[in-house]
Amino acid sequence: MTVSRTIFHSAQTYLQKLTRSNGLNPGEHSAVGDYLEDVNDSVDRVKNSISELKNADRVKGQEFVMLMSNVKTWVSSALTNEDTCMDGSSGQARDGPVKKLVRALITDVGHVTSNALAIINHFVEKHS
């Protein structure tokens, strides 16, 4: 999860810089703002997951199941945000160079987050 958090932060930083770029047309600027909003939401969800995981060794039984359910929900939601980010872009950024750059960035984030979710699912199966 910390790798996901690091990659999300990198994406967040990149998008923040991109929003300050003078080379974007209005459609691209709007789309980048939307991308940034989705990434910000995902960062929050990954942070929540990491906080919950820090408590996983302190709980047992039904409390463990609920804690891990929360973690899985937040990580799954972060993945959904990545899809929404790419599907929801509009205007002139739809198929331009900005979207291609952001798509590559979001794809990397998605791979790492998907791997984190698989590890979490395996952990839950092993410890339930």
N, C-alpha and C. Protein backbone atom coordinates (compact mmCIF):
# COMPACT_ATOMS: atom_id res chain seq x y z
N MET A 1 0.81 -1.19 0.00
CA MET A 1 0.00 0.00 0.00
C MET A 1 0.86 1.26 0.00
N THR A 2 2.01 1.20 0.63
CA THR A 2 2.84 2.40 0.64
C THR A 2 3.37 2.71 -0.76
N VAL A 3 3.58 1.68 -1.57
CA VAL A 3 4.00 1.92 -2.96
C VAL A 3 2.86 2.61 -3.71
N SER A 4 1.62 2.16 -3.51
CA SER A 4 0.47 2.82 -4.13
C SER A 4 0.39 4.27 -3.69
N ARG A 5 0.57 4.50 -2.41
CA ARG A 5 0.51 5.87 -1.90
C ARG A 5 1.58 6.74 -2.56
N THR A 6 2.79 6.20 -2.68
CA THR A 6 3.89 6.95 -3.30
C THR A 6 3.58 7.27 -4.76
N ILE A 7 3.06 6.30 -5.49
CA ILE A 7 2.75 6.53 -6.90
C ILE A 7 1.58 7.50 -7.04
N PHE A 8 0.59 7.38 -6.17
CA PHE A 8 -0.52 8.34 -6.20
C PHE A 8 -0.02 9.75 -5.92
N HIS A 9 0.90 9.88 -4.96
CA HIS A 9 1.45 11.20 -4.65
C HIS A 9 2.22 11.76 -5.84
N SER A 10 2.96 10.90 -6.53
CA SER A 10 3.69 11.34 -7.72
C SER A 10 2.71 11.82 -8.79
N ALA A 11 1.64 11.07 -8.99
CA ALA A 11 0.62 11.46 -9.96
C ALA A 11 -0.02 12.79 -9.55
N GLN A 12 -0.30 12.91 -8.27
CA GLN A 12 -0.91 14.12 -7.74
C GLN A 12 0.00 15.33 -7.99
N THR A 13 1.27 15.18 -7.69
CA THR A 13 2.24 16.27 -7.89
C THR A 13 2.34 16.64 -9.37
N TYR A 14 2.42 15.64 -10.23
CA TYR A 14 2.50 15.88 -11.67
C TYR A 14 1.28 16.65 -12.16
N LEU A 15 0.10 16.20 -11.75
CA LEU A 15 -1.13 16.86 -12.19
C LEU A 15 -1.25 18.27 -11.64
N GLN A 16 -0.78 18.48 -10.42
CA GLN A 16 -0.80 19.84 -9.85
C GLN A 16 0.08 20.77 -10.67
N LYS A 17 1.25 20.28 -11.06
CA LYS A 17 2.14 21.08 -11.91
C LYS A 17 1.51 21.32 -13.27
N LEU A 18 0.87 20.31 -13.81
CA LEU A 18 0.24 20.43 -15.11
C LEU A 18 -0.88 21.46 -15.10
N THR A 19 -1.61 21.55 -13.99
CA THR A 19 -2.70 22.54 -13.92
C THR A 19 -2.15 23.97 -13.95
N ARG A 20 -0.91 24.14 -13.57
CA ARG A 20 -0.29 25.47 -13.57
C ARG A 20 0.42 25.78 -14.90
N SER A 21 0.40 24.82 -15.81
CA SER A 21 1.05 24.98 -17.10
C SER A 21 0.29 25.98 -17.96
N ASN A 22 1.03 26.84 -18.64
CA ASN A 22 0.42 27.81 -19.54
C ASN A 22 0.13 27.21 -20.92
N GLY A 23 0.62 26.00 -21.17
CA GLY A 23 0.47 25.41 -22.49
C GLY A 23 -0.81 24.63 -22.71
N LEU A 24 -1.72 24.67 -21.76
CA LEU A 24 -2.97 23.91 -21.90
C LEU A 24 -4.07 24.79 -22.47
N ASN A 25 -4.86 24.20 -23.35
CA ASN A 25 -6.05 24.92 -23.81
C ASN A 25 -7.13 24.76 -22.73
N PRO A 26 -8.22 25.51 -22.81
CA PRO A 26 -9.25 25.44 -21.75
C PRO A 26 -9.82 24.04 -21.54
N GLY A 27 -10.02 23.27 -22.61
CA GLY A 27 -10.53 21.90 -22.46
C GLY A 27 -9.55 21.01 -21.73
N GLU A 28 -8.28 21.13 -22.07
CA GLU A 28 -7.25 20.34 -21.40
C GLU A 28 -7.13 20.74 -19.94
N HIS A 29 -7.17 22.03 -19.68
CA HIS A 29 -7.07 22.51 -18.29
C HIS A 29 -8.22 21.97 -17.45
N SER A 30 -9.41 21.97 -18.00
CA SER A 30 -10.58 21.43 -17.30
C SER A 30 -10.42 19.94 -17.04
N ALA A 31 -9.98 19.22 -18.06
CA ALA A 31 -9.80 17.77 -17.92
C ALA A 31 -8.74 17.45 -16.87
N VAL A 32 -7.63 18.18 -16.88
CA VAL A 32 -6.56 17.94 -15.89
C VAL A 32 -7.09 18.22 -14.48
N GLY A 33 -7.91 19.25 -14.33
CA GLY A 33 -8.53 19.51 -13.03
C GLY A 33 -9.39 18.34 -12.58
N ASP A 34 -10.13 17.75 -13.53
CA ASP A 34 -10.94 16.57 -13.21
C ASP A 34 -10.06 15.39 -12.83
N TYR A 35 -8.98 15.18 -13.59
CA TYR A 35 -8.05 14.09 -13.27
C TYR A 35 -7.50 14.27 -11.86
N LEU A 36 -7.10 15.50 -11.56
CA LEU A 36 -6.51 15.80 -10.25
C LEU A 36 -7.52 15.53 -9.13
N GLU A 37 -8.76 15.90 -9.33
CA GLU A 37 -9.79 15.65 -8.32
C GLU A 37 -9.94 14.15 -8.05
N ASP A 38 -9.96 13.34 -9.11
CA ASP A 38 -10.07 11.89 -8.94
C ASP A 38 -8.86 11.32 -8.22
N VAL A 39 -7.67 11.81 -8.58
CA VAL A 39 -6.45 11.32 -7.93
C VAL A 39 -6.43 11.74 -6.46
N ASN A 40 -6.87 12.96 -6.16
CA ASN A 40 -6.93 13.41 -4.77
C ASN A 40 -7.85 12.50 -3.94
N ASP A 41 -9.00 12.15 -4.52
CA ASP A 41 -9.92 11.22 -3.82
C ASP A 41 -9.25 9.88 -3.58
N SER A 42 -8.54 9.40 -4.57
CA SER A 42 -7.86 8.10 -4.43
C SER A 42 -6.75 8.16 -3.39
N VAL A 43 -6.03 9.27 -3.33
CA VAL A 43 -4.99 9.43 -2.31
C VAL A 43 -5.61 9.31 -0.93
N ASP A 44 -6.74 9.97 -0.72
CA ASP A 44 -7.42 9.89 0.58
C ASP A 44 -7.81 8.45 0.91
N ARG A 45 -8.31 7.73 -0.06
CA ARG A 45 -8.73 6.35 0.18
C ARG A 45 -7.56 5.44 0.48
N VAL A 46 -6.45 5.65 -0.20
CA VAL A 46 -5.26 4.84 0.08
C VAL A 46 -4.72 5.17 1.47
N LYS A 47 -4.73 6.45 1.84
CA LYS A 47 -4.30 6.83 3.20
C LYS A 47 -5.18 6.17 4.25
N ASN A 48 -6.49 6.18 4.03
CA ASN A 48 -7.40 5.51 4.97
C ASN A 48 -7.07 4.04 5.09
N SER A 49 -6.80 3.41 3.97
CA SER A 49 -6.46 1.98 3.97
C SER A 49 -5.20 1.71 4.77
N ILE A 50 -4.19 2.53 4.57
CA ILE A 50 -2.93 2.35 5.29
C ILE A 50 -3.15 2.53 6.78
N SER A 51 -3.93 3.52 7.17
CA SER A 51 -4.22 3.74 8.59
C SER A 51 -4.91 2.53 9.19
N GLU A 52 -5.89 1.98 8.47
CA GLU A 52 -6.60 0.80 8.97
C GLU A 52 -5.67 -0.41 9.05
N LEU A 53 -4.82 -0.59 8.06
CA LEU A 53 -3.91 -1.74 8.06
C LEU A 53 -2.96 -1.71 9.26
N LYS A 54 -2.63 -0.53 9.72
CA LYS A 54 -1.76 -0.42 10.90
C LYS A 54 -2.42 -1.01 12.14
N ASN A 55 -3.75 -1.11 12.14
CA ASN A 55 -4.48 -1.67 13.27
C ASN A 55 -4.82 -3.14 13.10
N ALA A 56 -4.51 -3.71 11.95
CA ALA A 56 -4.93 -5.08 11.64
C ALA A 56 -4.39 -6.12 12.62
N ASP A 57 -3.20 -5.91 13.14
CA ASP A 57 -2.63 -6.89 14.06
C ASP A 57 -3.19 -6.77 15.48
N ARG A 58 -3.99 -5.74 15.75
CA ARG A 58 -4.55 -5.52 17.08
C ARG A 58 -5.98 -6.03 17.24
N VAL A 59 -6.58 -6.45 16.13
CA VAL A 59 -7.98 -6.86 16.19
C VAL A 59 -8.13 -8.31 15.78
N LYS A 60 -9.22 -8.90 16.21
CA LYS A 60 -9.48 -10.31 15.89
C LYS A 60 -10.95 -10.49 15.57
N GLY A 61 -11.26 -11.62 15.00
CA GLY A 61 -12.64 -12.00 14.76
C GLY A 61 -13.37 -11.05 13.85
N GLN A 62 -14.60 -10.72 14.25
CA GLN A 62 -15.46 -9.88 13.43
C GLN A 62 -14.88 -8.48 13.23
N GLU A 63 -14.18 -7.98 14.22
CA GLU A 63 -13.57 -6.65 14.09
C GLU A 63 -12.50 -6.66 12.97
N PHE A 64 -11.74 -7.76 12.88
CA PHE A 64 -10.75 -7.90 11.81
C PHE A 64 -11.45 -7.94 10.45
N VAL A 65 -12.52 -8.70 10.37
CA VAL A 65 -13.26 -8.83 9.12
C VAL A 65 -13.77 -7.46 8.67
N MET A 66 -14.32 -6.67 9.59
CA MET A 66 -14.82 -5.34 9.25
C MET A 66 -13.69 -4.40 8.84
N LEU A 67 -12.60 -4.45 9.56
CA LEU A 67 -11.45 -3.60 9.23
C LEU A 67 -10.95 -3.91 7.83
N MET A 68 -10.79 -5.18 7.52
CA MET A 68 -10.28 -5.56 6.20
C MET A 68 -11.31 -5.28 5.10
N SER A 69 -12.58 -5.37 5.44
CA SER A 69 -13.62 -5.01 4.48
C SER A 69 -13.51 -3.53 4.12
N ASN A 70 -13.27 -2.69 5.12
CA ASN A 70 -13.07 -1.26 4.87
C ASN A 70 -11.87 -1.03 3.96
N VAL A 71 -10.78 -1.71 4.25
CA VAL A 71 -9.56 -1.56 3.45
C VAL A 71 -9.84 -1.95 2.00
N LYS A 72 -10.47 -3.11 1.82
CA LYS A 72 -10.76 -3.56 0.45
C LYS A 72 -11.68 -2.59 -0.27
N THR A 73 -12.66 -2.05 0.43
CA THR A 73 -13.58 -1.10 -0.18
C THR A 73 -12.85 0.15 -0.62
N TRP A 74 -11.98 0.69 0.24
CA TRP A 74 -11.26 1.91 -0.11
C TRP A 74 -10.31 1.69 -1.28
N VAL A 75 -9.61 0.57 -1.28
CA VAL A 75 -8.67 0.30 -2.38
C VAL A 75 -9.44 0.07 -3.68
N SER A 76 -10.54 -0.66 -3.60
CA SER A 76 -11.38 -0.87 -4.79
C SER A 76 -11.91 0.47 -5.31
N SER A 77 -12.29 1.34 -4.40
CA SER A 77 -12.79 2.65 -4.78
C SER A 77 -11.70 3.48 -5.45
N ALA A 78 -10.48 3.37 -4.97
CA ALA A 78 -9.36 4.07 -5.60
C ALA A 78 -9.17 3.57 -7.04
N LEU A 79 -9.32 2.27 -7.24
CA LEU A 79 -9.23 1.72 -8.60
C LEU A 79 -10.36 2.23 -9.48
N THR A 80 -11.56 2.30 -8.93
CA THR A 80 -12.70 2.81 -9.68
C THR A 80 -12.47 4.26 -10.08
N ASN A 81 -11.88 5.04 -9.19
CA ASN A 81 -11.58 6.44 -9.51
C ASN A 81 -10.64 6.54 -10.70
N GLU A 82 -9.71 5.61 -10.83
CA GLU A 82 -8.79 5.63 -11.95
C GLU A 82 -9.55 5.43 -13.26
N ASP A 83 -10.50 4.49 -13.26
CA ASP A 83 -11.32 4.28 -14.47
C ASP A 83 -12.16 5.51 -14.77
N THR A 84 -12.76 6.06 -13.73
CA THR A 84 -13.59 7.26 -13.90
C THR A 84 -12.75 8.40 -14.45
N CYS A 85 -11.55 8.52 -13.96
CA CYS A 85 -10.65 9.58 -14.39
C CYS A 85 -10.47 9.53 -15.91
N MET A 86 -10.21 8.38 -16.44
CA MET A 86 -9.94 8.28 -17.87
C MET A 86 -11.22 8.29 -18.70
N ASP A 87 -12.29 7.72 -18.19
CA ASP A 87 -13.54 7.68 -18.94
C ASP A 87 -14.25 9.02 -18.96
N GLY A 88 -14.03 9.82 -17.93
CA GLY A 88 -14.81 11.05 -17.78
C GLY A 88 -14.20 12.28 -18.42
N SER A 89 -13.04 12.15 -19.03
CA SER A 89 -12.44 13.35 -19.62
C SER A 89 -13.27 13.81 -20.80
N SER A 90 -13.27 15.11 -21.00
CA SER A 90 -14.11 15.64 -22.06
C SER A 90 -13.39 16.76 -22.79
N GLY A 91 -14.05 17.32 -23.75
CA GLY A 91 -13.53 18.46 -24.47
C GLY A 91 -12.32 18.11 -25.31
N GLN A 92 -11.46 19.08 -25.48
CA GLN A 92 -10.32 18.94 -26.36
C GLN A 92 -9.25 18.01 -25.81
N ALA A 93 -9.32 17.64 -24.55
CA ALA A 93 -8.34 16.73 -23.97
C ALA A 93 -8.69 15.28 -24.26
N ARG A 94 -9.82 15.05 -24.89
CA ARG A 94 -10.33 13.70 -25.06
C ARG A 94 -9.27 12.75 -25.64
N ASP A 95 -8.64 13.10 -26.75
CA ASP A 95 -7.67 12.20 -27.37
C ASP A 95 -6.33 12.87 -27.64
N GLY A 96 -6.08 13.97 -27.00
CA GLY A 96 -4.85 14.71 -27.25
C GLY A 96 -3.67 14.22 -26.44
N PRO A 97 -2.55 14.93 -26.57
CA PRO A 97 -1.32 14.53 -25.90
C PRO A 97 -1.42 14.55 -24.37
N VAL A 98 -2.22 15.48 -23.83
CA VAL A 98 -2.37 15.54 -22.37
C VAL A 98 -3.03 14.26 -21.86
N LYS A 99 -4.09 13.85 -22.54
CA LYS A 99 -4.78 12.63 -22.10
C LYS A 99 -3.84 11.42 -22.22
N LYS A 100 -3.03 11.37 -23.25
CA LYS A 100 -2.10 10.25 -23.41
C LYS A 100 -1.09 10.21 -22.27
N LEU A 101 -0.58 11.37 -21.88
CA LEU A 101 0.35 11.43 -20.75
C LEU A 101 -0.32 10.98 -19.46
N VAL A 102 -1.52 11.51 -19.23
CA VAL A 102 -2.25 11.17 -18.01
C VAL A 102 -2.64 9.70 -18.02
N ARG A 103 -3.05 9.18 -19.17
CA ARG A 103 -3.42 7.76 -19.25
C ARG A 103 -2.25 6.87 -18.85
N ALA A 104 -1.06 7.17 -19.32
CA ALA A 104 0.12 6.38 -18.96
C ALA A 104 0.36 6.45 -17.45
N LEU A 105 0.23 7.62 -16.89
CA LEU A 105 0.41 7.81 -15.45
C LEU A 105 -0.63 7.03 -14.66
N ILE A 106 -1.88 7.15 -15.04
CA ILE A 106 -2.98 6.49 -14.34
C ILE A 106 -2.90 4.98 -14.51
N THR A 107 -2.46 4.52 -15.66
CA THR A 107 -2.30 3.08 -15.89
C THR A 107 -1.27 2.50 -14.92
N ASP A 108 -0.16 3.20 -14.73
CA ASP A 108 0.86 2.74 -13.76
C ASP A 108 0.29 2.69 -12.35
N VAL A 109 -0.44 3.72 -11.98
CA VAL A 109 -1.07 3.76 -10.66
C VAL A 109 -2.04 2.58 -10.52
N GLY A 110 -2.80 2.33 -11.57
CA GLY A 110 -3.77 1.24 -11.54
C GLY A 110 -3.14 -0.12 -11.36
N HIS A 111 -2.02 -0.36 -12.03
CA HIS A 111 -1.34 -1.65 -11.89
C HIS A 111 -0.87 -1.88 -10.45
N VAL A 112 -0.26 -0.87 -9.88
CA VAL A 112 0.25 -1.00 -8.52
C VAL A 112 -0.90 -1.17 -7.52
N THR A 113 -1.95 -0.41 -7.71
CA THR A 113 -3.09 -0.49 -6.80
C THR A 113 -3.82 -1.82 -6.93
N SER A 114 -3.91 -2.31 -8.14
CA SER A 114 -4.52 -3.63 -8.37
C SER A 114 -3.71 -4.72 -7.68
N ASN A 115 -2.39 -4.62 -7.76
CA ASN A 115 -1.53 -5.58 -7.07
C ASN A 115 -1.72 -5.49 -5.56
N ALA A 116 -1.84 -4.28 -5.05
CA ALA A 116 -2.07 -4.10 -3.61
C ALA A 116 -3.37 -4.75 -3.19
N LEU A 117 -4.42 -4.58 -4.00
CA LEU A 117 -5.71 -5.20 -3.69
C LEU A 117 -5.61 -6.72 -3.70
N ALA A 118 -4.87 -7.27 -4.64
CA ALA A 118 -4.69 -8.72 -4.70
C ALA A 118 -3.96 -9.22 -3.45
N ILE A 119 -2.96 -8.49 -3.01
CA ILE A 119 -2.22 -8.86 -1.79
C ILE A 119 -3.14 -8.79 -0.58
N ILE A 120 -3.94 -7.74 -0.51
CA ILE A 120 -4.89 -7.60 0.61
C ILE A 120 -5.88 -8.76 0.61
N ASN A 121 -6.42 -9.10 -0.55
CA ASN A 121 -7.36 -10.22 -0.64
C ASN A 121 -6.70 -11.52 -0.19
N HIS A 122 -5.46 -11.73 -0.59
CA HIS A 122 -4.75 -12.94 -0.17
C HIS A 122 -4.53 -12.93 1.35
N PHE A 123 -4.17 -11.79 1.89
CA PHE A 123 -3.95 -11.65 3.32
C PHE A 123 -5.25 -11.98 4.09
N VAL A 124 -6.37 -11.45 3.59
CA VAL A 124 -7.67 -11.70 4.25
C VAL A 124 -8.01 -13.17 4.21
N GLU A 125 -7.83 -13.81 3.07
CA GLU A 125 -8.12 -15.24 2.94
C GLU A 125 -7.27 -16.06 3.91
N LYS A 126 -6.03 -15.70 4.04
CA LYS A 126 -5.09 -16.44 4.89
C LYS A 126 -5.37 -16.26 6.37
N HIS A 127 -5.90 -15.10 6.74
CA HIS A 127 -6.08 -14.79 8.16
C HIS A 127 -7.52 -14.76 8.63
N SER A 128 -8.43 -15.19 7.79
CA SER A 128 -9.85 -15.21 8.22
C SER A 128 -10.20 -16.53 8.82
